N, C-alpha and C. Protein backbone atom coordinates (compact mmCIF):
# COMPACT_ATOMS: atom_id res chain seq x y z
N UNK A 1 0.92 -1.38 0.08
CA UNK A 1 0.14 0.14 -0.03
C UNK A 1 0.77 1.08 -0.05
N UNK A 2 0.51 2.04 -0.80
CA UNK A 2 1.13 3.15 -0.95
C UNK A 2 0.83 4.32 0.32
N UNK A 3 1.74 5.30 0.61
CA UNK A 3 1.42 6.15 1.62
C UNK A 3 1.21 7.45 0.78
N UNK A 4 0.14 8.15 1.22
CA UNK A 4 -0.51 9.30 0.54
C UNK A 4 0.38 10.50 1.24
N UNK A 5 1.09 11.39 0.49
CA UNK A 5 1.58 12.64 0.91
C UNK A 5 0.56 13.63 1.46
N UNK A 6 1.10 13.96 2.60
CA UNK A 6 0.17 15.02 2.89
C UNK A 6 0.61 16.33 2.49
N UNK A 7 -0.56 17.02 1.91
CA UNK A 7 -0.23 18.33 1.23
C UNK A 7 -0.29 19.43 2.40
N UNK A 8 0.82 20.25 2.19
CA UNK A 8 0.71 21.36 3.15
C UNK A 8 0.25 22.63 2.58
N UNK A 9 -0.54 23.60 3.26
CA UNK A 9 -1.07 24.62 2.64
C UNK A 9 -2.12 25.10 3.58
N UNK A 10 -2.88 26.30 3.03
CA UNK A 10 -4.16 26.78 3.79
C UNK A 10 -5.43 26.25 2.85
N UNK A 11 -6.41 26.15 4.03
CA UNK A 11 -7.70 25.87 3.33
C UNK A 11 -8.40 27.04 3.28
N UNK A 12 -9.39 26.84 2.22
CA UNK A 12 -10.16 27.90 1.65
C UNK A 12 -10.87 28.87 2.71
N UNK A 13 -11.18 28.04 4.02
CA UNK A 13 -11.82 28.77 5.13
C UNK A 13 -10.61 29.60 5.86
N UNK A 14 -9.48 29.18 6.10
CA UNK A 14 -8.51 30.03 6.42
C UNK A 14 -8.12 31.25 5.78
N UNK A 15 -8.12 31.19 4.29
CA UNK A 15 -8.05 32.29 3.39
C UNK A 15 -9.10 33.12 3.56
N UNK A 16 -10.43 32.78 3.76
CA UNK A 16 -11.86 33.90 3.84
C UNK A 16 -11.60 34.60 5.16
N UNK A 17 -11.15 33.66 6.44
CA UNK A 17 -10.98 34.36 7.51
C UNK A 17 -9.94 35.47 7.55
N UNK A 18 -8.65 34.94 7.00
CA UNK A 18 -7.97 36.10 6.85
C UNK A 18 -8.01 37.32 6.31
N UNK A 19 -8.81 36.99 4.97
CA UNK A 19 -9.19 38.39 4.20
C UNK A 19 -10.20 38.97 4.94
N UNK A 20 -10.99 38.64 5.69
CA UNK A 20 -12.07 39.42 6.74
C UNK A 20 -11.45 39.92 7.66
N UNK A 21 -10.37 39.38 8.29
CA UNK A 21 -9.62 40.19 9.45
C UNK A 21 -8.91 41.28 8.82
N UNK A 22 -8.03 41.16 7.49
CA UNK A 22 -7.70 42.39 7.07
C UNK A 22 -8.51 43.36 6.42
N UNK A 23 -9.59 42.93 6.07
CA UNK A 23 -10.65 43.97 5.71
C UNK A 23 -10.99 44.61 6.85
N UNK A 24 -11.39 44.06 8.11
CA UNK A 24 -11.76 44.78 9.15
C UNK A 24 -10.71 45.61 9.85
N UNK A 25 -9.40 45.41 9.87
CA UNK A 25 -8.35 46.28 10.29
C UNK A 25 -8.28 47.59 9.39
N UNK A 26 -8.32 47.27 7.99
CA UNK A 26 -8.13 48.28 7.27
C UNK A 26 -9.35 49.42 7.23
N UNK A 27 -10.58 48.74 7.51
CA UNK A 27 -11.84 49.70 7.54
C UNK A 27 -11.32 50.46 9.01
N UNK A 28 -11.00 50.00 9.80
CA UNK A 28 -10.63 50.57 11.38
C UNK A 28 -9.55 51.81 10.94
N UNK A 29 -8.50 51.44 10.29
CA UNK A 29 -7.50 52.33 9.91
C UNK A 29 -8.01 53.56 9.00
N UNK A 30 -8.93 53.22 8.06
CA UNK A 30 -9.48 54.40 7.22
C UNK A 30 -10.28 55.16 7.89
N UNK A 31 -11.04 54.77 8.92
CA UNK A 31 -12.01 55.47 9.88
C UNK A 31 -11.22 56.44 10.73
N UNK A 32 -10.10 55.86 11.20
CA UNK A 32 -9.18 56.75 12.15
C UNK A 32 -8.48 57.80 11.49
N UNK A 33 -8.04 57.48 10.02
CA UNK A 33 -7.50 58.48 9.49
C UNK A 33 -8.45 59.58 8.86
N UNK A 34 -9.52 59.28 8.44
CA UNK A 34 -10.44 60.37 8.11
C UNK A 34 -10.69 61.28 9.31
N UNK A 35 -10.93 60.65 10.58
CA UNK A 35 -11.02 61.61 11.85
C UNK A 35 -10.05 62.44 11.99
N UNK A 36 -8.60 61.75 11.93
CA UNK A 36 -7.73 62.61 12.16
C UNK A 36 -7.54 63.86 11.05
N UNK A 37 -7.82 63.42 9.72
CA UNK A 37 -7.91 64.58 8.56
C UNK A 37 -8.82 65.67 9.03
N UNK A 38 -10.08 65.42 9.48
CA UNK A 38 -10.98 66.18 9.99
C UNK A 38 -10.54 67.12 11.10
N UNK A 39 -9.96 66.80 11.84
CA UNK A 39 -9.51 67.30 13.10
C UNK A 39 -8.38 68.26 12.57
N UNK A 40 -7.45 67.84 11.69
CA UNK A 40 -6.53 68.52 11.25
C UNK A 40 -7.03 69.57 10.32
N UNK A 41 -8.00 69.58 9.51
CA UNK A 41 -8.69 70.68 8.86
C UNK A 41 -9.20 71.61 9.74
N UNK A 42 -9.72 71.01 10.81
CA UNK A 42 -10.49 72.04 11.78
C UNK A 42 -9.41 72.97 12.62
N UNK A 43 -8.31 72.13 12.72
CA UNK A 43 -7.16 72.94 13.57
C UNK A 43 -6.52 74.08 12.55
N UNK A 44 -6.26 73.61 11.23
CA UNK A 44 -5.75 74.61 10.42
C UNK A 44 -6.87 75.67 10.08
N UNK A 45 -8.03 75.47 10.11
CA UNK A 45 -9.05 76.71 9.96
C UNK A 45 -8.90 77.49 11.10
N UNK A 46 -8.74 77.28 12.29
CA UNK A 46 -8.67 77.86 13.42
C UNK A 46 -7.55 78.54 13.31
N UNK A 47 -6.24 77.94 12.99
CA UNK A 47 -5.07 78.53 13.04
C UNK A 47 -4.98 79.90 12.00
N UNK A 48 -5.74 79.60 10.79
CA UNK A 48 -5.64 80.66 9.74
C UNK A 48 -6.56 81.64 10.14
N UNK A 49 -7.51 81.55 10.96
CA UNK A 49 -8.46 82.76 11.48
C UNK A 49 -7.56 83.45 12.61
N UNK A 50 -6.76 82.66 13.42
CA UNK A 50 -6.13 83.37 14.44
C UNK A 50 -5.10 84.22 13.94
N UNK A 51 -4.41 83.59 12.81
CA UNK A 51 -3.50 84.28 12.10
C UNK A 51 -3.75 85.56 11.33
N UNK A 52 -4.98 85.70 11.05
CA UNK A 52 -5.39 86.83 10.26
C UNK A 52 -6.04 87.84 11.21
N UNK A 53 -6.91 87.30 12.33
CA UNK A 53 -7.67 88.15 13.14
C UNK A 53 -7.09 88.61 14.61
N UNK A 54 -6.03 87.69 15.01
CA UNK A 54 -5.40 87.89 16.07
C UNK A 54 -4.68 89.47 16.11
N UNK A 55 -3.74 89.69 15.00
CA UNK A 55 -3.15 90.98 15.13
C UNK A 55 -4.24 91.93 14.97
N UNK A 56 -5.14 91.92 14.26
CA UNK A 56 -6.35 93.09 14.10
C UNK A 56 -6.71 93.26 15.49
N UNK A 57 -7.31 91.98 16.25
CA UNK A 57 -7.94 92.19 17.70
C UNK A 57 -6.86 92.68 18.46
N UNK A 58 -5.67 92.46 18.40
CA UNK A 58 -4.69 92.98 19.37
C UNK A 58 -4.67 94.41 19.06
N UNK A 59 -4.40 94.85 17.57
CA UNK A 59 -4.30 96.36 17.28
C UNK A 59 -5.41 97.07 17.73
N UNK A 60 -6.78 96.56 17.64
CA UNK A 60 -7.80 97.52 17.72
C UNK A 60 -8.03 98.05 19.29
N UNK A 61 -7.11 97.56 20.25
CA UNK A 61 -7.04 98.12 21.52
C UNK A 61 -6.34 99.31 21.27
N UNK A 62 -7.01 100.42 21.82
CA UNK A 62 -6.69 101.81 21.44
C UNK A 62 -5.22 102.13 22.03
N UNK A 63 -4.90 101.44 23.05
CA UNK A 63 -3.68 101.46 23.73
C UNK A 63 -2.45 101.20 22.95
N UNK A 64 -2.86 100.16 22.19
CA UNK A 64 -1.63 99.53 21.33
C UNK A 64 -1.84 100.05 19.86
N UNK A 65 -2.68 100.72 19.33
CA UNK A 65 -2.77 101.07 18.13
C UNK A 65 -2.40 102.60 18.00
N UNK A 66 -1.70 103.11 16.58
CA UNK A 66 -1.58 104.32 16.63
C UNK A 66 -2.57 104.82 15.33
N UNK A 67 -3.07 106.15 15.68
CA UNK A 67 -4.15 106.46 14.85
C UNK A 67 -3.49 107.35 13.73
N UNK A 68 -3.58 106.80 12.57
CA UNK A 68 -3.04 107.57 11.43
C UNK A 68 -3.71 108.85 10.75
N UNK A 69 -5.00 108.61 10.67
CA UNK A 69 -5.89 109.42 9.97
C UNK A 69 -7.43 109.15 10.72
N UNK A 70 -8.10 110.13 11.09
CA UNK A 70 -9.27 110.02 11.58
C UNK A 70 -10.33 110.26 10.70
N UNK A 71 -10.05 110.63 9.32
CA UNK A 71 -11.06 110.96 8.50
C UNK A 71 -10.52 110.01 6.95
N UNK A 72 -10.47 108.63 7.19
CA UNK A 72 -9.81 107.81 5.95
C UNK A 72 -11.02 107.71 5.04
N UNK A 73 -10.83 107.54 3.86
CA UNK A 73 -12.02 107.26 2.67
C UNK A 73 -11.39 106.13 1.72
N UNK A 74 -12.24 105.29 1.63
CA UNK A 74 -12.04 104.26 0.66
C UNK A 74 -13.04 104.15 -0.45
N UNK A 75 -12.72 104.06 -1.61
CA UNK A 75 -13.77 104.04 -2.64
C UNK A 75 -13.92 102.47 -2.99
N UNK A 76 -15.02 102.00 -3.00
CA UNK A 76 -15.32 100.35 -3.11
C UNK A 76 -16.35 100.23 -4.34
N UNK A 77 -15.88 99.58 -5.20
CA UNK A 77 -16.79 99.23 -6.46
C UNK A 77 -16.61 97.96 -6.94
N UNK A 78 -17.16 97.32 -7.77
CA UNK A 78 -17.26 96.21 -8.49
C UNK A 78 -16.35 96.48 -9.66
N UNK A 79 -15.57 95.46 -9.91
CA UNK A 79 -14.71 95.59 -11.34
C UNK A 79 -15.25 95.86 -12.52
N UNK A 80 -16.55 95.20 -12.75
CA UNK A 80 -17.12 95.52 -13.96
C UNK A 80 -18.03 96.82 -14.01
N UNK A 81 -18.18 97.34 -12.92
CA UNK A 81 -18.95 98.61 -12.71
C UNK A 81 -18.56 99.52 -11.77
N UNK A 82 -17.34 100.38 -12.21
CA UNK A 82 -16.67 101.16 -11.08
C UNK A 82 -17.51 102.41 -10.94
N UNK A 83 -18.56 102.74 -11.75
CA UNK A 83 -19.36 103.82 -11.38
C UNK A 83 -20.44 103.73 -10.40
N UNK A 84 -20.60 102.35 -9.85
CA UNK A 84 -21.59 102.13 -8.96
C UNK A 84 -20.98 101.87 -7.51
N UNK A 85 -20.01 102.28 -7.30
CA UNK A 85 -19.43 101.92 -5.99
C UNK A 85 -19.66 103.22 -5.07
N UNK A 86 -19.26 102.90 -3.69
CA UNK A 86 -19.48 103.87 -2.60
C UNK A 86 -18.17 104.20 -1.93
N UNK A 87 -18.13 105.47 -1.18
CA UNK A 87 -17.06 105.72 -0.44
C UNK A 87 -17.47 105.29 0.91
N UNK A 88 -16.43 104.46 1.57
CA UNK A 88 -16.67 104.32 3.05
C UNK A 88 -15.62 105.01 3.76
N UNK A 89 -15.97 105.59 4.73
CA UNK A 89 -15.41 106.41 5.59
C UNK A 89 -14.99 105.68 6.98
N UNK A 90 -13.78 105.86 7.52
CA UNK A 90 -13.39 105.35 8.66
C UNK A 90 -12.10 106.02 9.32
N UNK A 91 -11.43 105.13 10.32
CA UNK A 91 -10.28 105.73 10.93
C UNK A 91 -9.30 104.68 10.62
N UNK A 92 -8.04 105.24 10.04
CA UNK A 92 -6.78 104.27 9.88
C UNK A 92 -6.00 104.40 10.77
N UNK A 93 -5.83 103.09 11.41
CA UNK A 93 -4.77 102.61 12.44
C UNK A 93 -3.28 102.10 12.10
N UNK A 94 -2.45 102.09 12.85
CA UNK A 94 -1.37 101.19 12.45
C UNK A 94 -0.85 100.58 13.69
N UNK A 95 -0.23 99.26 13.69
CA UNK A 95 0.30 98.50 14.56
C UNK A 95 1.55 99.03 15.00
N UNK A 96 2.25 99.77 14.11
CA UNK A 96 3.57 100.10 14.25
C UNK A 96 3.89 100.78 15.72
N UNK A 97 5.21 100.39 16.25
CA UNK A 97 5.30 100.93 17.58
C UNK A 97 5.68 102.41 17.69
N UNK A 98 5.03 102.96 18.60
CA UNK A 98 4.84 104.46 18.76
C UNK A 98 5.63 104.95 20.18
N UNK A 99 5.79 106.44 20.01
CA UNK A 99 6.51 106.91 21.51
C UNK A 99 5.49 108.04 21.47
N UNK A 100 5.61 108.84 22.80
CA UNK A 100 4.75 109.92 22.99
C UNK A 100 5.65 111.09 23.08
N UNK A 101 5.66 112.21 22.23
CA UNK A 101 6.39 113.36 21.96
C UNK A 101 5.99 114.32 23.10
N UNK A 102 6.72 115.23 23.18
CA UNK A 102 6.70 116.31 24.18
C UNK A 102 5.38 116.98 24.47
N UNK A 103 4.53 116.80 23.34
CA UNK A 103 3.18 117.39 23.31
C UNK A 103 2.06 116.41 23.76
N UNK A 104 2.47 115.21 24.09
CA UNK A 104 1.65 114.02 24.50
C UNK A 104 0.87 113.44 23.20
N UNK A 105 1.43 113.75 22.29
CA UNK A 105 0.89 112.95 20.89
C UNK A 105 1.73 111.62 20.58
N UNK A 106 0.87 110.51 20.27
CA UNK A 106 1.57 109.32 19.68
C UNK A 106 2.21 109.75 18.27
N UNK A 107 3.42 109.30 18.20
CA UNK A 107 4.17 109.44 17.01
C UNK A 107 4.98 108.04 16.70
N UNK A 108 5.20 107.84 15.22
CA UNK A 108 6.10 106.63 15.16
C UNK A 108 7.36 106.45 15.67
N UNK A 109 7.68 105.55 16.10
CA UNK A 109 8.92 105.19 16.90
C UNK A 109 9.89 105.34 15.73
N UNK A 110 10.97 105.99 15.72
CA UNK A 110 12.14 106.01 14.73
C UNK A 110 12.61 104.71 14.86
N UNK A 111 12.80 103.81 15.87
CA UNK A 111 13.41 102.71 15.85
C UNK A 111 12.68 101.42 15.52
N UNK A 112 11.20 101.75 15.16
CA UNK A 112 10.40 100.55 14.91
C UNK A 112 10.77 100.01 13.79
N UNK A 113 10.58 98.68 13.68
CA UNK A 113 10.67 97.76 12.42
C UNK A 113 9.71 98.23 11.48
N UNK A 114 10.05 97.98 9.98
CA UNK A 114 9.50 98.46 9.02
C UNK A 114 7.99 97.76 8.89
N UNK A 115 7.88 96.44 9.04
CA UNK A 115 6.69 95.60 8.95
C UNK A 115 5.70 95.95 10.01
N UNK A 116 4.53 96.44 9.64
CA UNK A 116 3.37 96.72 10.63
C UNK A 116 2.08 96.38 9.79
N UNK A 117 0.99 96.37 10.56
CA UNK A 117 -0.22 96.09 10.05
C UNK A 117 -0.90 97.29 10.30
N UNK A 118 -2.00 97.67 8.88
CA UNK A 118 -2.78 98.97 9.16
C UNK A 118 -4.05 98.42 8.92
N UNK A 119 -4.85 98.93 9.67
CA UNK A 119 -6.55 98.43 9.50
C UNK A 119 -7.30 99.76 9.74
N UNK A 120 -8.46 99.41 9.50
CA UNK A 120 -9.52 100.68 9.34
C UNK A 120 -10.65 100.39 10.02
N UNK A 121 -11.06 101.07 11.01
CA UNK A 121 -12.25 100.88 11.74
C UNK A 121 -13.38 101.72 11.21
N UNK A 122 -14.37 100.99 10.65
CA UNK A 122 -15.44 101.67 10.28
C UNK A 122 -16.96 101.48 11.03
N UNK A 123 -17.63 102.60 11.38
CA UNK A 123 -18.72 102.61 12.11
C UNK A 123 -19.89 102.01 11.25
N UNK A 124 -20.57 101.04 11.80
CA UNK A 124 -21.68 100.47 11.11
C UNK A 124 -22.79 101.74 10.88
N UNK A 125 -23.50 101.92 10.04
CA UNK A 125 -24.54 102.83 9.89
C UNK A 125 -25.80 102.39 10.68
N UNK A 126 -26.58 103.01 11.32
CA UNK A 126 -27.60 102.89 11.98
C UNK A 126 -28.86 102.63 10.98
N UNK A 127 -29.79 101.79 11.39
CA UNK A 127 -31.19 101.27 10.53
C UNK A 127 -31.67 102.87 9.99
N UNK A 128 -31.67 103.92 10.66
CA UNK A 128 -32.47 105.06 10.27
C UNK A 128 -31.42 105.84 9.35
N UNK A 129 -30.19 105.61 9.33
CA UNK A 129 -29.37 106.47 8.34
C UNK A 129 -29.68 106.46 6.92
N UNK A 130 -29.28 107.29 6.35
CA UNK A 130 -29.65 107.13 4.63
C UNK A 130 -28.39 106.47 4.19
N UNK A 131 -28.80 105.82 2.92
CA UNK A 131 -27.34 105.01 2.53
C UNK A 131 -26.37 106.13 2.04
N UNK A 132 -25.21 105.36 2.08
CA UNK A 132 -24.01 106.25 1.67
C UNK A 132 -24.19 106.37 0.19
N UNK A 133 -24.17 107.73 -0.32
CA UNK A 133 -24.26 108.08 -1.70
C UNK A 133 -23.09 107.37 -2.54
N UNK A 134 -23.24 107.21 -3.71
CA UNK A 134 -22.30 106.66 -4.40
C UNK A 134 -21.18 107.83 -4.90
N UNK A 135 -20.08 107.62 -4.70
CA UNK A 135 -18.85 108.49 -4.98
C UNK A 135 -18.71 108.31 -6.50
N UNK A 136 -17.86 109.47 -6.95
CA UNK A 136 -17.44 109.65 -8.15
C UNK A 136 -16.66 108.61 -8.48
N UNK A 137 -16.52 108.09 -9.81
CA UNK A 137 -15.65 106.92 -10.21
C UNK A 137 -14.06 107.60 -10.07
N UNK A 138 -13.42 106.61 -9.76
CA UNK A 138 -11.96 107.24 -9.82
C UNK A 138 -11.43 107.29 -11.24
N UNK A 139 -10.66 108.57 -11.30
CA UNK A 139 -10.13 108.83 -12.62
C UNK A 139 -9.43 108.01 -13.02
N UNK A 140 -9.08 107.71 -14.41
CA UNK A 140 -8.26 106.85 -15.16
C UNK A 140 -7.06 107.79 -15.53
N UNK A 141 -5.93 107.19 -15.33
CA UNK A 141 -4.75 108.20 -15.84
C UNK A 141 -3.50 107.76 -15.33
N UNK A 142 -2.65 108.36 -15.56
CA UNK A 142 -1.17 108.02 -14.93
C UNK A 142 -0.89 108.65 -13.56
């Protein structure tokens, strides 16, 4: 009588079970990865907001901002219809360092760094105020 050789290998059931285990592990990893990406996007959004609004909020403290012009005007219009714009009035401030001169006025510090942030404080109109009339279109020229 001949002896049968025993074949070595995996059965079909073992292969199916191992595929199911790998699928479950990969599903968990994908879910964790998407949760991490969502948190990362949220953190980046907050960081961008803080980077943009933080200096403005800090500068809007009157003690830390230098008033450059209290009657600043900006003409705002759409690119395709410049004649339908409006003039917005406000106060121009700067975040540059300042010193107080002998008259008690805030003036730019001569030792200050060149990089600073300028912002405009605009008063919101009251509901009963008349709308701001359109300003003349800016002159084109050199």
